[in-house]
Amino acid sequence: MPISATDLENAIRAAIPVVHLEIEDTSNGCGENYEVFVVSPAFEGKNTLARHRFINEVLKDQIAQMHAFSQKTLTPKQYEAQLAQQTAS
C-alpha cells in the first residue's frame, strides 16, 4: 500500500513540534520514495545522526513500506541562518 505525504505529515506532527515541514514524493506519485525536510525545536542539542534516528523511529512503519527515504533536519536557529544565507546570495 503506498504511503501518502499526509500519512508522513501526521506522524511527524504528532511526535514533535514542527516549525517548518516539506514533504516531497520523489517517486512520481506512487508513494514509494520520499524526501522530508523538518525544522523543529525538538532537535536542539542533538547531532544530525540522532535527529535522523529519531525521525526514522517516528516513521518506522511508513519507511518499511517505502523504496527510498531521505531527510534533512534542522533546528529553528539553523533554519533561520539558512534562510538568511539564501536571501543574501
PDB file of N, CA and C in Angstrom:
ATOM      1  N   MET A   1       0.842  -1.182   0.000  1.00  0.00           N
ATOM      2  CA  MET A   1       0.000   0.000   0.000  1.00  0.00           C
ATOM      3  C   MET A   1       0.887   1.245   0.000  1.00  0.00           C
ATOM      4  N   PRO A   2       0.659   2.153  -0.922  1.00  0.00           N
ATOM      5  CA  PRO A   2       1.501   3.354  -0.975  1.00  0.00           C
ATOM      6  C   PRO A   2       1.304   4.245   0.247  1.00  0.00           C
ATOM      7  N   ILE A   3       2.367   4.914   0.612  1.00  0.00           N
ATOM      8  CA  ILE A   3       2.333   5.869   1.715  1.00  0.00           C
ATOM      9  C   ILE A   3       2.001   7.235   1.129  1.00  0.00           C
ATOM     10  N   SER A   4       1.189   8.004   1.825  1.00  0.00           N
ATOM     11  CA  SER A   4       0.867   9.347   1.349  1.00  0.00           C
ATOM     12  C   SER A   4       1.676  10.376   2.138  1.00  0.00           C
ATOM     13  N   ALA A   5       1.847  11.533   1.533  1.00  0.00           N
ATOM     14  CA  ALA A   5       2.525  12.637   2.214  1.00  0.00           C
ATOM     15  C   ALA A   5       1.757  13.020   3.477  1.00  0.00           C
ATOM     16  N   THR A   6       0.444  12.900   3.433  1.00  0.00           N
ATOM     17  CA  THR A   6      -0.391  13.209   4.599  1.00  0.00           C
ATOM     18  C   THR A   6      -0.098  12.256   5.747  1.00  0.00           C
ATOM     19  N   ASP A   7       0.107  10.971   5.439  1.00  0.00           N
ATOM     20  CA  ASP A   7       0.467   9.990   6.473  1.00  0.00           C
ATOM     21  C   ASP A   7       1.767  10.402   7.166  1.00  0.00           C
ATOM     22  N   LEU A   8       2.755  10.788   6.363  1.00  0.00           N
ATOM     23  CA  LEU A   8       4.049  11.196   6.910  1.00  0.00           C
ATOM     24  C   LEU A   8       3.902  12.468   7.738  1.00  0.00           C
ATOM     25  N   GLU A   9       3.192  13.434   7.203  1.00  0.00           N
ATOM     26  CA  GLU A   9       2.999  14.698   7.922  1.00  0.00           C
ATOM     27  C   GLU A   9       2.306  14.468   9.256  1.00  0.00           C
ATOM     28  N   ASN A  10       1.246  13.685   9.265  1.00  0.00           N
ATOM     29  CA  ASN A  10       0.508  13.430  10.508  1.00  0.00           C
ATOM     30  C   ASN A  10       1.388  12.748  11.546  1.00  0.00           C
ATOM     31  N   ALA A  11       2.199  11.789  11.123  1.00  0.00           N
ATOM     32  CA  ALA A  11       3.073  11.076  12.062  1.00  0.00           C
ATOM     33  C   ALA A  11       4.134  12.005  12.647  1.00  0.00           C
ATOM     34  N   ILE A  12       4.726  12.839  11.804  1.00  0.00           N
ATOM     35  CA  ILE A  12       5.765  13.763  12.282  1.00  0.00           C
ATOM     36  C   ILE A  12       5.162  14.793  13.229  1.00  0.00           C
ATOM     37  N   ARG A  13       4.060  15.401  12.808  1.00  0.00           N
ATOM     38  CA  ARG A  13       3.435  16.443  13.639  1.00  0.00           C
ATOM     39  C   ARG A  13       2.910  15.893  14.967  1.00  0.00           C
ATOM     40  N   ALA A  14       2.534  14.631  15.004  1.00  0.00           N
ATOM     41  CA  ALA A  14       2.058  14.012  16.246  1.00  0.00           C
ATOM     42  C   ALA A  14       3.211  13.748  17.210  1.00  0.00           C
ATOM     43  N   ALA A  15       4.421  13.596  16.680  1.00  0.00           N
ATOM     44  CA  ALA A  15       5.566  13.219  17.507  1.00  0.00           C
ATOM     45  C   ALA A  15       6.355  14.408  18.047  1.00  0.00           C
ATOM     46  N   ILE A  16       6.445  15.484  17.264  1.00  0.00           N
ATOM     47  CA  ILE A  16       7.278  16.625  17.655  1.00  0.00           C
ATOM     48  C   ILE A  16       6.636  17.940  17.225  1.00  0.00           C
ATOM     49  N   PRO A  17       7.020  19.043  17.902  1.00  0.00           N
ATOM     50  CA  PRO A  17       6.561  20.349  17.430  1.00  0.00           C
ATOM     51  C   PRO A  17       7.308  20.691  16.140  1.00  0.00           C
ATOM     52  N   VAL A  18       6.583  21.148  15.141  1.00  0.00           N
ATOM     53  CA  VAL A  18       7.173  21.425  13.832  1.00  0.00           C
ATOM     54  C   VAL A  18       7.058  22.912  13.513  1.00  0.00           C
ATOM     55  N   VAL A  19       8.202  23.517  13.166  1.00  0.00           N
ATOM     56  CA  VAL A  19       8.232  24.910  12.744  1.00  0.00           C
ATOM     57  C   VAL A  19       8.058  24.991  11.227  1.00  0.00           C
ATOM     58  N   HIS A  20       8.670  24.061  10.524  1.00  0.00           N
ATOM     59  CA  HIS A  20       8.593  24.020   9.057  1.00  0.00           C
ATOM     60  C   HIS A  20       8.685  22.555   8.629  1.00  0.00           C
ATOM     61  N   LEU A  21       7.883  22.186   7.625  1.00  0.00           N
ATOM     62  CA  LEU A  21       7.886  20.806   7.147  1.00  0.00           C
ATOM     63  C   LEU A  21       7.633  20.802   5.646  1.00  0.00           C
ATOM     64  N   GLU A  22       8.523  20.148   4.928  1.00  0.00           N
ATOM     65  CA  GLU A  22       8.334  19.929   3.496  1.00  0.00           C
ATOM     66  C   GLU A  22       8.420  18.429   3.250  1.00  0.00           C
ATOM     67  N   ILE A  23       7.474  17.916   2.492  1.00  0.00           N
ATOM     68  CA  ILE A  23       7.475  16.505   2.140  1.00  0.00           C
ATOM     69  C   ILE A  23       7.323  16.415   0.635  1.00  0.00           C
ATOM     70  N   GLU A  24       8.259  15.740   0.001  1.00  0.00           N
ATOM     71  CA  GLU A  24       8.212  15.612  -1.452  1.00  0.00           C
ATOM     72  C   GLU A  24       8.205  14.145  -1.856  1.00  0.00           C
ATOM     73  N   ASP A  25       7.212  13.778  -2.636  1.00  0.00           N
ATOM     74  CA  ASP A  25       7.142  12.432  -3.205  1.00  0.00           C
ATOM     75  C   ASP A  25       8.043  12.434  -4.437  1.00  0.00           C
ATOM     76  N   THR A  26       9.165  11.767  -4.359  1.00  0.00           N
ATOM     77  CA  THR A  26      10.123  11.740  -5.469  1.00  0.00           C
ATOM     78  C   THR A  26       9.943  10.502  -6.336  1.00  0.00           C
ATOM     79  N   SER A  27       8.807   9.830  -6.181  1.00  0.00           N
ATOM     80  CA  SER A  27       8.549   8.601  -6.938  1.00  0.00           C
ATOM     81  C   SER A  27       7.480   8.801  -8.003  1.00  0.00           C
ATOM     82  N   ASN A  28       7.293  10.035  -8.439  1.00  0.00           N
ATOM     83  CA  ASN A  28       6.279  10.335  -9.454  1.00  0.00           C
ATOM     84  C   ASN A  28       4.872   9.951  -9.021  1.00  0.00           C
ATOM     85  N   GLY A  29       4.598  10.074  -7.727  1.00  0.00           N
ATOM     86  CA  GLY A  29       3.244   9.871  -7.238  1.00  0.00           C
ATOM     87  C   GLY A  29       2.883   8.489  -6.745  1.00  0.00           C
ATOM     88  N   CYS A  30       3.801   7.537  -6.823  1.00  0.00           N
ATOM     89  CA  CYS A  30       3.425   6.179  -6.391  1.00  0.00           C
ATOM     90  C   CYS A  30       3.605   5.965  -4.881  1.00  0.00           C
ATOM     91  N   GLY A  31       4.208   6.935  -4.182  1.00  0.00           N
ATOM     92  CA  GLY A  31       4.320   6.844  -2.731  1.00  0.00           C
ATOM     93  C   GLY A  31       5.380   5.898  -2.225  1.00  0.00           C
ATOM     94  N   GLU A  32       6.410   5.632  -3.024  1.00  0.00           N
ATOM     95  CA  GLU A  32       7.476   4.728  -2.581  1.00  0.00           C
ATOM     96  C   GLU A  32       8.781   5.432  -2.247  1.00  0.00           C
ATOM     97  N   ASN A  33       8.950   6.684  -2.676  1.00  0.00           N
ATOM     98  CA  ASN A  33      10.169   7.452  -2.414  1.00  0.00           C
ATOM     99  C   ASN A  33       9.787   8.822  -1.883  1.00  0.00           C
ATOM    100  N   TYR A  34      10.338   9.181  -0.751  1.00  0.00           N
ATOM    101  CA  TYR A  34      10.044  10.488  -0.169  1.00  0.00           C
ATOM    102  C   TYR A  34      11.308  11.169   0.326  1.00  0.00           C
ATOM    103  N   GLU A  35      11.269  12.506   0.246  1.00  0.00           N
ATOM    104  CA  GLU A  35      12.258  13.357   0.889  1.00  0.00           C
ATOM    105  C   GLU A  35      11.490  14.234   1.868  1.00  0.00           C
ATOM    106  N   VAL A  36      12.002  14.345   3.083  1.00  0.00           N
ATOM    107  CA  VAL A  36      11.372  15.230   4.055  1.00  0.00           C
ATOM    108  C   VAL A  36      12.394  16.225   4.580  1.00  0.00           C
ATOM    109  N   PHE A  37      11.915  17.410   4.859  1.00  0.00           N
ATOM    110  CA  PHE A  37      12.719  18.475   5.449  1.00  0.00           C
ATOM    111  C   PHE A  37      11.956  18.941   6.666  1.00  0.00           C
ATOM    112  N   VAL A  38      12.535  18.731   7.849  1.00  0.00           N
ATOM    113  CA  VAL A  38      11.847  19.013   9.106  1.00  0.00           C
ATOM    114  C   VAL A  38      12.651  20.016   9.923  1.00  0.00           C
ATOM    115  N   VAL A  39      11.977  21.064  10.373  1.00  0.00           N
ATOM    116  CA  VAL A  39      12.580  22.034  11.286  1.00  0.00           C
ATOM    117  C   VAL A  39      11.799  21.964  12.585  1.00  0.00           C
ATOM    118  N   SER A  40      12.514  21.682  13.675  1.00  0.00           N
ATOM    119  CA  SER A  40      11.837  21.520  14.960  1.00  0.00           C
ATOM    120  C   SER A  40      12.755  21.882  16.123  1.00  0.00           C
ATOM    121  N   PRO A  41      12.195  22.517  17.155  1.00  0.00           N
ATOM    122  CA  PRO A  41      12.990  22.759  18.359  1.00  0.00           C
ATOM    123  C   PRO A  41      13.348  21.451  19.082  1.00  0.00           C
ATOM    124  N   ALA A  42      12.675  20.365  18.756  1.00  0.00           N
ATOM    125  CA  ALA A  42      12.990  19.068  19.368  1.00  0.00           C
ATOM    126  C   ALA A  42      14.394  18.593  18.997  1.00  0.00           C
ATOM    127  N   PHE A  43      14.981  19.181  17.949  1.00  0.00           N
ATOM    128  CA  PHE A  43      16.323  18.774  17.505  1.00  0.00           C
ATOM    129  C   PHE A  43      17.444  19.514  18.232  1.00  0.00           C
ATOM    130  N   GLU A  44      17.096  20.496  19.066  1.00  0.00           N
ATOM    131  CA  GLU A  44      18.116  21.247  19.814  1.00  0.00           C
ATOM    132  C   GLU A  44      18.957  20.281  20.645  1.00  0.00           C
ATOM    133  N   GLY A  45      20.268  20.442  20.557  1.00  0.00           N
ATOM    134  CA  GLY A  45      21.181  19.623  21.346  1.00  0.00           C
ATOM    135  C   GLY A  45      21.433  18.237  20.788  1.00  0.00           C
ATOM    136  N   LYS A  46      20.821  17.910  19.655  1.00  0.00           N
ATOM    137  CA  LYS A  46      21.027  16.597  19.029  1.00  0.00           C
ATOM    138  C   LYS A  46      21.863  16.768  17.767  1.00  0.00           C
ATOM    139  N   ASN A  47      22.766  15.842  17.528  1.00  0.00           N
ATOM    140  CA  ASN A  47      23.529  15.896  16.283  1.00  0.00           C
ATOM    141  C   ASN A  47      22.674  15.328  15.148  1.00  0.00           C
ATOM    142  N   THR A  48      23.186  15.444  13.938  1.00  0.00           N
ATOM    143  CA  THR A  48      22.423  15.017  12.763  1.00  0.00           C
ATOM    144  C   THR A  48      22.026  13.553  12.847  1.00  0.00           C
ATOM    145  N   LEU A  49      22.932  12.704  13.263  1.00  0.00           N
ATOM    146  CA  LEU A  49      22.631  11.278  13.354  1.00  0.00           C
ATOM    147  C   LEU A  49      21.489  11.018  14.341  1.00  0.00           C
ATOM    148  N   ALA A  50      21.524  11.669  15.484  1.00  0.00           N
ATOM    149  CA  ALA A  50      20.469  11.486  16.487  1.00  0.00           C
ATOM    150  C   ALA A  50      19.118  11.983  15.958  1.00  0.00           C
ATOM    151  N   ARG A  51      19.134  13.086  15.222  1.00  0.00           N
ATOM    152  CA  ARG A  51      17.901  13.610  14.632  1.00  0.00           C
ATOM    153  C   ARG A  51      17.328  12.627  13.621  1.00  0.00           C
ATOM    154  N   HIS A  52      18.196  12.108  12.776  1.00  0.00           N
ATOM    155  CA  HIS A  52      17.741  11.175  11.739  1.00  0.00           C
ATOM    156  C   HIS A  52      17.231   9.873  12.362  1.00  0.00           C
ATOM    157  N   ARG A  53      17.903   9.399  13.366  1.00  0.00           N
ATOM    158  CA  ARG A  53      17.419   8.195  14.050  1.00  0.00           C
ATOM    159  C   ARG A  53      16.049   8.439  14.678  1.00  0.00           C
ATOM    160  N   PHE A  54      15.861   9.626  15.225  1.00  0.00           N
ATOM    161  CA  PHE A  54      14.581   9.973  15.828  1.00  0.00           C
ATOM    162  C   PHE A  54      13.467   9.955  14.780  1.00  0.00           C
ATOM    163  N   ILE A  55      13.693  10.613  13.644  1.00  0.00           N
ATOM    164  CA  ILE A  55      12.688  10.633  12.578  1.00  0.00           C
ATOM    165  C   ILE A  55      12.469   9.222  12.028  1.00  0.00           C
ATOM    166  N   ASN A  56      13.540   8.453  11.875  1.00  0.00           N
ATOM    167  CA  ASN A  56      13.395   7.067  11.415  1.00  0.00           C
ATOM    168  C   ASN A  56      12.514   6.261  12.363  1.00  0.00           C
ATOM    169  N   GLU A  57      12.656   6.497  13.646  1.00  0.00           N
ATOM    170  CA  GLU A  57      11.833   5.789  14.631  1.00  0.00           C
ATOM    171  C   GLU A  57      10.368   6.239  14.540  1.00  0.00           C
ATOM    172  N   VAL A  58      10.154   7.534  14.399  1.00  0.00           N
ATOM    173  CA  VAL A  58       8.794   8.067  14.276  1.00  0.00           C
ATOM    174  C   VAL A  58       8.091   7.480  13.052  1.00  0.00           C
ATOM    175  N   LEU A  59       8.846   7.337  11.954  1.00  0.00           N
ATOM    176  CA  LEU A  59       8.264   6.888  10.683  1.00  0.00           C
ATOM    177  C   LEU A  59       8.594   5.433  10.341  1.00  0.00           C
ATOM    178  N   LYS A  60       8.968   4.630  11.323  1.00  0.00           N
ATOM    179  CA  LYS A  60       9.455   3.273  11.027  1.00  0.00           C
ATOM    180  C   LYS A  60       8.435   2.431  10.262  1.00  0.00           C
ATOM    181  N   ASP A  61       7.159   2.533  10.592  1.00  0.00           N
ATOM    182  CA  ASP A  61       6.145   1.742   9.877  1.00  0.00           C
ATOM    183  C   ASP A  61       6.010   2.196   8.428  1.00  0.00           C
ATOM    184  N   GLN A  62       6.050   3.514   8.216  1.00  0.00           N
ATOM    185  CA  GLN A  62       5.931   4.047   6.868  1.00  0.00           C
ATOM    186  C   GLN A  62       7.187   3.754   6.036  1.00  0.00           C
ATOM    187  N   ILE A  63       8.354   3.939   6.634  1.00  0.00           N
ATOM    188  CA  ILE A  63       9.618   3.705   5.923  1.00  0.00           C
ATOM    189  C   ILE A  63       9.727   2.244   5.498  1.00  0.00           C
ATOM    190  N   ALA A  64       9.213   1.340   6.304  1.00  0.00           N
ATOM    191  CA  ALA A  64       9.269  -0.087   5.978  1.00  0.00           C
ATOM    192  C   ALA A  64       8.531  -0.402   4.677  1.00  0.00           C
ATOM    193  N   GLN A  65       7.601   0.462   4.292  1.00  0.00           N
ATOM    194  CA  GLN A  65       6.817   0.236   3.083  1.00  0.00           C
ATOM    195  C   GLN A  65       7.350   1.021   1.881  1.00  0.00           C
ATOM    196  N   MET A  66       8.446   1.756   2.070  1.00  0.00           N
ATOM    197  CA  MET A  66       9.000   2.593   1.004  1.00  0.00           C
ATOM    198  C   MET A  66      10.204   1.936   0.348  1.00  0.00           C
ATOM    199  N   HIS A  67      10.503   2.424  -0.834  1.00  0.00           N
ATOM    200  CA  HIS A  67      11.712   2.009  -1.533  1.00  0.00           C
ATOM    201  C   HIS A  67      12.893   2.888  -1.105  1.00  0.00           C
ATOM    202  N   ALA A  68      12.651   4.202  -0.970  1.00  0.00           N
ATOM    203  CA  ALA A  68      13.716   5.135  -0.603  1.00  0.00           C
ATOM    204  C   ALA A  68      13.150   6.250   0.271  1.00  0.00           C
ATOM    205  N   PHE A  69      13.983   6.717   1.201  1.00  0.00           N
ATOM    206  CA  PHE A  69      13.593   7.790   2.107  1.00  0.00           C
ATOM    207  C   PHE A  69      14.825   8.606   2.440  1.00  0.00           C
ATOM    208  N   SER A  70      14.727   9.921   2.304  1.00  0.00           N
ATOM    209  CA  SER A  70      15.824  10.788   2.724  1.00  0.00           C
ATOM    210  C   SER A  70      15.255  11.932   3.541  1.00  0.00           C
ATOM    211  N   GLN A  71      16.104  12.492   4.378  1.00  0.00           N
ATOM    212  CA  GLN A  71      15.631  13.540   5.263  1.00  0.00           C
ATOM    213  C   GLN A  71      16.702  14.590   5.514  1.00  0.00           C
ATOM    214  N   LYS A  72      16.215  15.779   5.806  1.00  0.00           N
ATOM    215  CA  LYS A  72      17.058  16.873   6.261  1.00  0.00           C
ATOM    216  C   LYS A  72      16.387  17.417   7.505  1.00  0.00           C
ATOM    217  N   THR A  73      17.153  17.610   8.558  1.00  0.00           N
ATOM    218  CA  THR A  73      16.601  18.061   9.825  1.00  0.00           C
ATOM    219  C   THR A  73      17.415  19.243  10.342  1.00  0.00           C
ATOM    220  N   LEU A  74      16.727  20.294  10.740  1.00  0.00           N
ATOM    221  CA  LEU A  74      17.382  21.485  11.280  1.00  0.00           C
ATOM    222  C   LEU A  74      16.645  21.984  12.512  1.00  0.00           C
ATOM    223  N   THR A  75      17.375  22.700  13.359  1.00  0.00           N
ATOM    224  CA  THR A  75      16.740  23.429  14.456  1.00  0.00           C
ATOM    225  C   THR A  75      16.201  24.735  13.874  1.00  0.00           C
ATOM    226  N   PRO A  76      15.295  25.397  14.580  1.00  0.00           N
ATOM    227  CA  PRO A  76      14.796  26.682  14.081  1.00  0.00           C
ATOM    228  C   PRO A  76      15.922  27.703  13.847  1.00  0.00           C
ATOM    229  N   LYS A  77      16.910  27.720  14.738  1.00  0.00           N
ATOM    230  CA  LYS A  77      18.039  28.659  14.592  1.00  0.00           C
ATOM    231  C   LYS A  77      18.834  28.351  13.318  1.00  0.00           C
ATOM    232  N   GLN A  78      19.093  27.080  13.063  1.00  0.00           N
ATOM    233  CA  GLN A  78      19.806  26.689  11.842  1.00  0.00           C
ATOM    234  C   GLN A  78      18.993  27.051  10.601  1.00  0.00           C
ATOM    235  N   TYR A  79      17.690  26.876  10.674  1.00  0.00           N
ATOM    236  CA  TYR A  79      16.814  27.182   9.548  1.00  0.00           C
ATOM    237  C   TYR A  79      16.824  28.682   9.252  1.00  0.00           C
ATOM    238  N   GLU A  80      16.741  29.496  10.305  1.00  0.00           N
ATOM    239  CA  GLU A  80      16.794  30.952  10.137  1.00  0.00           C
ATOM    240  C   GLU A  80      18.114  31.365   9.494  1.00  0.00           C
ATOM    241  N   ALA A  81      19.224  30.760   9.926  1.00  0.00           N
ATOM    242  CA  ALA A  81      20.527  31.071   9.347  1.00  0.00           C
ATOM    243  C   ALA A  81      20.571  30.671   7.877  1.00  0.00           C
ATOM    244  N   GLN A  82      19.981  29.534   7.547  1.00  0.00           N
ATOM    245  CA  GLN A  82      19.944  29.074   6.153  1.00  0.00           C
ATOM    246  C   GLN A  82      19.131  30.044   5.298  1.00  0.00           C
ATOM    247  N   LEU A  83      17.989  30.472   5.800  1.00  0.00           N
ATOM    248  CA  LEU A  83      17.159  31.429   5.069  1.00  0.00           C
ATOM    249  C   LEU A  83      17.893  32.759   4.857  1.00  0.00           C
ATOM    250  N   ALA A  84      18.587  33.212   5.898  1.00  0.00           N
ATOM    251  CA  ALA A  84      19.338  34.470   5.804  1.00  0.00           C
ATOM    252  C   ALA A  84      20.456  34.353   4.756  1.00  0.00           C
ATOM    253  N   GLN A  85      21.103  33.206   4.731  1.00  0.00           N
ATOM    254  CA  GLN A  85      22.175  32.991   3.761  1.00  0.00           C
ATOM    255  C   GLN A  85      21.622  32.962   2.346  1.00  0.00           C
ATOM    256  N   GLN A  86      20.469  32.325   2.154  1.00  0.00           N
ATOM    257  CA  GLN A  86      19.847  32.273   0.828  1.00  0.00           C
ATOM    258  C   GLN A  86      19.408  33.664   0.382  1.00  0.00           C
ATOM    259  N   THR A  87      18.912  34.457   1.304  1.00  0.00           N
ATOM    260  CA  THR A  87      18.469  35.804   0.977  1.00  0.00           C
ATOM    261  C   THR A  87      19.658  36.678   0.595  1.00  0.00           C
ATOM    262  N   ALA A  88      20.790  36.481   1.272  1.00  0.00           N
ATOM    263  CA  ALA A  88      21.986  37.259   0.986  1.00  0.00           C
ATOM    264  C   ALA A  88      22.623  36.888  -0.345  1.00  0.00           C
ATOM    265  N   SER A  89      22.376  35.686  -0.799  1.00  0.00           N
ATOM    266  CA  SER A  89      23.003  35.212  -2.052  1.00  0.00           C
ATOM    267  C   SER A  89      22.363  35.807  -3.272  1.00  0.00           C
TER     268      SER A  89
END
